[in-house]
């Protein structure tokens, strides 16, 4: 149900007032999504996983106890990564890959995956064989 003209006017006045009174809050709310925290946790989980693997590999020959601690760190990080990946889901990962550096990197190497896939399919349909 669309808003009436009065409701739209009131809403725009509220937005302008909020922008004037607290621009930092407006910026923070506009940049934050539902997936921000789980994605941040996933980054830390990957770092923890790498640290756990490094600790396990480096200490395996000297101390089995430290290597086991590295394994536990690695296991905990993997479980945290998996849990946050379930929270984020496919939609959140797509949204994260389309924002910021990922989008510019994808554009630098040849555009979106869908377009590349479509071009490859078309070439194989033609029987070209060239990629």
C-alpha atoms as a PDB file:
ATOM      1  CA  UNK A   1       0.000   0.000   0.000  1.00  0.00           C
ATOM      2  CA  UNK A   2       1.633   3.280  -1.089  1.00  0.00           C
ATOM      3  CA  UNK A   3       2.008   6.195   1.283  1.00  0.00           C
ATOM      4  CA  UNK A   4      -0.175   9.245   0.962  1.00  0.00           C
ATOM      5  CA  UNK A   5       1.376  12.600   0.085  1.00  0.00           C
ATOM      6  CA  UNK A   6       1.116  13.782   3.697  1.00  0.00           C
ATOM      7  CA  UNK A   7       2.820  10.633   4.965  1.00  0.00           C
ATOM      8  CA  UNK A   8       5.616  10.977   2.404  1.00  0.00           C
ATOM      9  CA  UNK A   9       6.107  14.632   3.363  1.00  0.00           C
ATOM     10  CA  UNK A  10       6.227  13.788   7.083  1.00  0.00           C
ATOM     11  CA  UNK A  11       8.668  10.954   6.436  1.00  0.00           C
ATOM     12  CA  UNK A  12      10.978  13.157   4.369  1.00  0.00           C
ATOM     13  CA  UNK A  13      10.896  15.841   7.079  1.00  0.00           C
ATOM     14  CA  UNK A  14      11.836  13.236   9.674  1.00  0.00           C
ATOM     15  CA  UNK A  15      14.719  12.051   7.482  1.00  0.00           C
ATOM     16  CA  UNK A  16      15.991  15.594   6.999  1.00  0.00           C
ATOM     17  CA  UNK A  17      15.764  16.287  10.738  1.00  0.00           C
ATOM     18  CA  UNK A  18      17.653  13.087  11.560  1.00  0.00           C
ATOM     19  CA  UNK A  19      20.312  13.883   8.952  1.00  0.00           C
ATOM     20  CA  UNK A  20      20.772  17.357  10.436  1.00  0.00           C
ATOM     21  CA  UNK A  21      20.815  16.243  14.062  1.00  0.00           C
ATOM     22  CA  UNK A  22      22.963  13.077  13.838  1.00  0.00           C
ATOM     23  CA  UNK A  23      24.736  12.500  10.509  1.00  0.00           C
ATOM     24  CA  UNK A  24      27.057   9.869  12.003  1.00  0.00           C
ATOM     25  CA  UNK A  25      24.095   7.680  12.967  1.00  0.00           C
ATOM     26  CA  UNK A  26      22.586   8.047   9.493  1.00  0.00           C
ATOM     27  CA  UNK A  27      25.876   6.993   7.898  1.00  0.00           C
ATOM     28  CA  UNK A  28      26.265   4.001  10.216  1.00  0.00           C
ATOM     29  CA  UNK A  29      22.700   2.792   9.678  1.00  0.00           C
ATOM     30  CA  UNK A  30      22.924   3.187   5.909  1.00  0.00           C
ATOM     31  CA  UNK A  31      26.168   1.156   5.736  1.00  0.00           C
ATOM     32  CA  UNK A  32      25.100  -1.616   8.120  1.00  0.00           C
ATOM     33  CA  UNK A  33      23.112  -4.610   6.925  1.00  0.00           C
ATOM     34  CA  UNK A  34      21.802  -7.732   8.588  1.00  0.00           C
ATOM     35  CA  UNK A  35      24.857  -9.569   7.301  1.00  0.00           C
ATOM     36  CA  UNK A  36      27.535  -7.171   8.568  1.00  0.00           C
ATOM     37  CA  UNK A  37      28.231  -8.885  11.890  1.00  0.00           C
ATOM     38  CA  UNK A  38      28.174 -12.501  10.622  1.00  0.00           C
ATOM     39  CA  UNK A  39      30.482 -11.572   7.729  1.00  0.00           C
ATOM     40  CA  UNK A  40      32.879  -9.920  10.158  1.00  0.00           C
ATOM     41  CA  UNK A  41      32.767 -13.046  12.322  1.00  0.00           C
ATOM     42  CA  UNK A  42      33.485 -15.178   9.278  1.00  0.00           C
ATOM     43  CA  UNK A  43      36.615 -13.145   8.537  1.00  0.00           C
ATOM     44  CA  UNK A  44      37.852 -13.650  12.104  1.00  0.00           C
ATOM     45  CA  UNK A  45      37.006 -17.354  11.905  1.00  0.00           C
ATOM     46  CA  UNK A  46      39.122 -17.740   8.767  1.00  0.00           C
ATOM     47  CA  UNK A  47      41.995 -15.953  10.509  1.00  0.00           C
ATOM     48  CA  UNK A  48      41.577 -18.233  13.541  1.00  0.00           C
ATOM     49  CA  UNK A  49      41.512 -21.307  11.314  1.00  0.00           C
ATOM     50  CA  UNK A  50      44.756 -20.277   9.619  1.00  0.00           C
ATOM     51  CA  UNK A  51      46.351 -19.533  12.997  1.00  0.00           C
ATOM     52  CA  UNK A  52      45.228 -22.919  14.333  1.00  0.00           C
ATOM     53  CA  UNK A  53      46.664 -24.753  11.335  1.00  0.00           C
ATOM     54  CA  UNK A  54      49.934 -22.839  11.649  1.00  0.00           C
ATOM     55  CA  UNK A  55      50.161 -23.588  15.379  1.00  0.00           C
ATOM     56  CA  UNK A  56      49.401 -27.253  14.783  1.00  0.00           C
ATOM     57  CA  UNK A  57      51.936 -27.669  11.984  1.00  0.00           C
ATOM     58  CA  UNK A  58      54.709 -25.715  13.697  1.00  0.00           C
ATOM     59  CA  UNK A  59      54.414 -27.458  17.062  1.00  0.00           C
ATOM     60  CA  UNK A  60      53.622 -31.020  15.981  1.00  0.00           C
ATOM     61  CA  UNK A  61      57.248 -32.140  16.099  1.00  0.00           C
ATOM     62  CA  UNK A  62      57.985 -30.514  19.459  1.00  0.00           C
ATOM     63  CA  UNK A  63      54.862 -30.732  21.587  1.00  0.00           C
ATOM     64  CA  UNK A  64      51.792 -32.819  20.971  1.00  0.00           C
ATOM     65  CA  UNK A  65      49.896 -30.797  23.555  1.00  0.00           C
ATOM     66  CA  UNK A  66      50.451 -27.519  21.701  1.00  0.00           C
ATOM     67  CA  UNK A  67      49.629 -29.222  18.402  1.00  0.00           C
ATOM     68  CA  UNK A  68      46.382 -30.470  19.929  1.00  0.00           C
ATOM     69  CA  UNK A  69      45.624 -26.936  21.128  1.00  0.00           C
ATOM     70  CA  UNK A  70      46.188 -25.726  17.559  1.00  0.00           C
ATOM     71  CA  UNK A  71      43.798 -28.401  16.336  1.00  0.00           C
ATOM     72  CA  UNK A  72      41.172 -27.259  18.854  1.00  0.00           C
ATOM     73  CA  UNK A  73      41.579 -23.636  17.724  1.00  0.00           C
ATOM     74  CA  UNK A  74      41.240 -24.760  14.109  1.00  0.00           C
ATOM     75  CA  UNK A  75      38.160 -26.859  14.921  1.00  0.00           C
ATOM     76  CA  UNK A  76      36.486 -24.046  16.864  1.00  0.00           C
ATOM     77  CA  UNK A  77      37.143 -21.572  14.062  1.00  0.00           C
ATOM     78  CA  UNK A  78      35.761 -23.978  11.465  1.00  0.00           C
ATOM     79  CA  UNK A  79      32.582 -24.486  13.504  1.00  0.00           C
ATOM     80  CA  UNK A  80      32.150 -20.735  13.951  1.00  0.00           C
ATOM     81  CA  UNK A  81      32.716 -20.200  10.226  1.00  0.00           C
ATOM     82  CA  UNK A  82      30.119 -22.826   9.362  1.00  0.00           C
ATOM     83  CA  UNK A  83      27.539 -21.394  11.777  1.00  0.00           C
ATOM     84  CA  UNK A  84      27.972 -17.863  10.444  1.00  0.00           C
ATOM     85  CA  UNK A  85      27.876 -19.116   6.857  1.00  0.00           C
ATOM     86  CA  UNK A  86      24.480 -20.666   7.614  1.00  0.00           C
ATOM     87  CA  UNK A  87      23.267 -17.369   9.085  1.00  0.00           C
ATOM     88  CA  UNK A  88      24.472 -15.375   6.106  1.00  0.00           C
ATOM     89  CA  UNK A  89      23.303 -17.867   3.514  1.00  0.00           C
ATOM     90  CA  UNK A  90      23.575 -17.578  -0.233  1.00  0.00           C
ATOM     91  CA  UNK A  91      21.855 -14.196  -0.402  1.00  0.00           C
ATOM     92  CA  UNK A  92      24.208 -12.586   2.092  1.00  0.00           C
ATOM     93  CA  UNK A  93      27.292 -13.946   0.363  1.00  0.00           C
ATOM     94  CA  UNK A  94      26.001 -12.645  -2.970  1.00  0.00           C
ATOM     95  CA  UNK A  95      25.373  -9.233  -1.407  1.00  0.00           C
ATOM     96  CA  UNK A  96      28.843  -9.178   0.149  1.00  0.00           C
ATOM     97  CA  UNK A  97      30.509 -10.170  -3.112  1.00  0.00           C
ATOM     98  CA  UNK A  98      28.676  -7.425  -5.002  1.00  0.00           C
ATOM     99  CA  UNK A  99      29.767  -4.683  -2.634  1.00  0.00           C
ATOM    100  CA  UNK A 100      33.067  -2.865  -2.402  1.00  0.00           C
ATOM    101  CA  UNK A 101      36.302  -4.522  -3.385  1.00  0.00           C
ATOM    102  CA  UNK A 102      34.731  -7.742  -4.636  1.00  0.00           C
ATOM    103  CA  UNK A 103      32.695  -5.930  -7.275  1.00  0.00           C
ATOM    104  CA  UNK A 104      35.678  -3.900  -8.470  1.00  0.00           C
ATOM    105  CA  UNK A 105      37.842  -7.026  -8.596  1.00  0.00           C
ATOM    106  CA  UNK A 106      35.181  -8.916 -10.544  1.00  0.00           C
ATOM    107  CA  UNK A 107      34.845  -6.010 -12.990  1.00  0.00           C
ATOM    108  CA  UNK A 108      38.623  -5.890 -13.415  1.00  0.00           C
ATOM    109  CA  UNK A 109      38.839  -9.553 -14.409  1.00  0.00           C
ATOM    110  CA  UNK A 110      36.015  -9.517 -16.898  1.00  0.00           C
ATOM    111  CA  UNK A 111      32.605  -8.695 -15.519  1.00  0.00           C
ATOM    112  CA  UNK A 112      30.048 -10.741 -13.673  1.00  0.00           C
ATOM    113  CA  UNK A 113      30.129 -14.517 -13.620  1.00  0.00           C
ATOM    114  CA  UNK A 114      26.703 -14.805 -15.223  1.00  0.00           C
ATOM    115  CA  UNK A 115      27.763 -12.927 -18.340  1.00  0.00           C
ATOM    116  CA  UNK A 116      30.936 -14.977 -18.692  1.00  0.00           C
ATOM    117  CA  UNK A 117      28.959 -18.185 -18.263  1.00  0.00           C
ATOM    118  CA  UNK A 118      26.415 -17.085 -20.872  1.00  0.00           C
ATOM    119  CA  UNK A 119      29.164 -16.235 -23.369  1.00  0.00           C
ATOM    120  CA  UNK A 120      30.798 -19.623 -22.844  1.00  0.00           C
ATOM    121  CA  UNK A 121      27.495 -21.441 -23.331  1.00  0.00           C
ATOM    122  CA  UNK A 122      26.819 -19.504 -26.517  1.00  0.00           C
ATOM    123  CA  UNK A 123      30.236 -20.374 -27.933  1.00  0.00           C
ATOM    124  CA  UNK A 124      29.756 -24.052 -27.206  1.00  0.00           C
ATOM    125  CA  UNK A 125      26.289 -23.984 -28.780  1.00  0.00           C
ATOM    126  CA  UNK A 126      27.834 -22.544 -31.946  1.00  0.00           C
ATOM    127  CA  UNK A 127      30.350 -25.370 -31.925  1.00  0.00           C
ATOM    128  CA  UNK A 128      33.251 -22.931 -31.879  1.00  0.00           C
ATOM    129  CA  UNK A 129      35.270 -24.627 -29.209  1.00  0.00           C
ATOM    130  CA  UNK A 130      37.171 -21.363 -28.556  1.00  0.00           C
ATOM    131  CA  UNK A 131      36.891 -19.920 -25.093  1.00  0.00           C
END
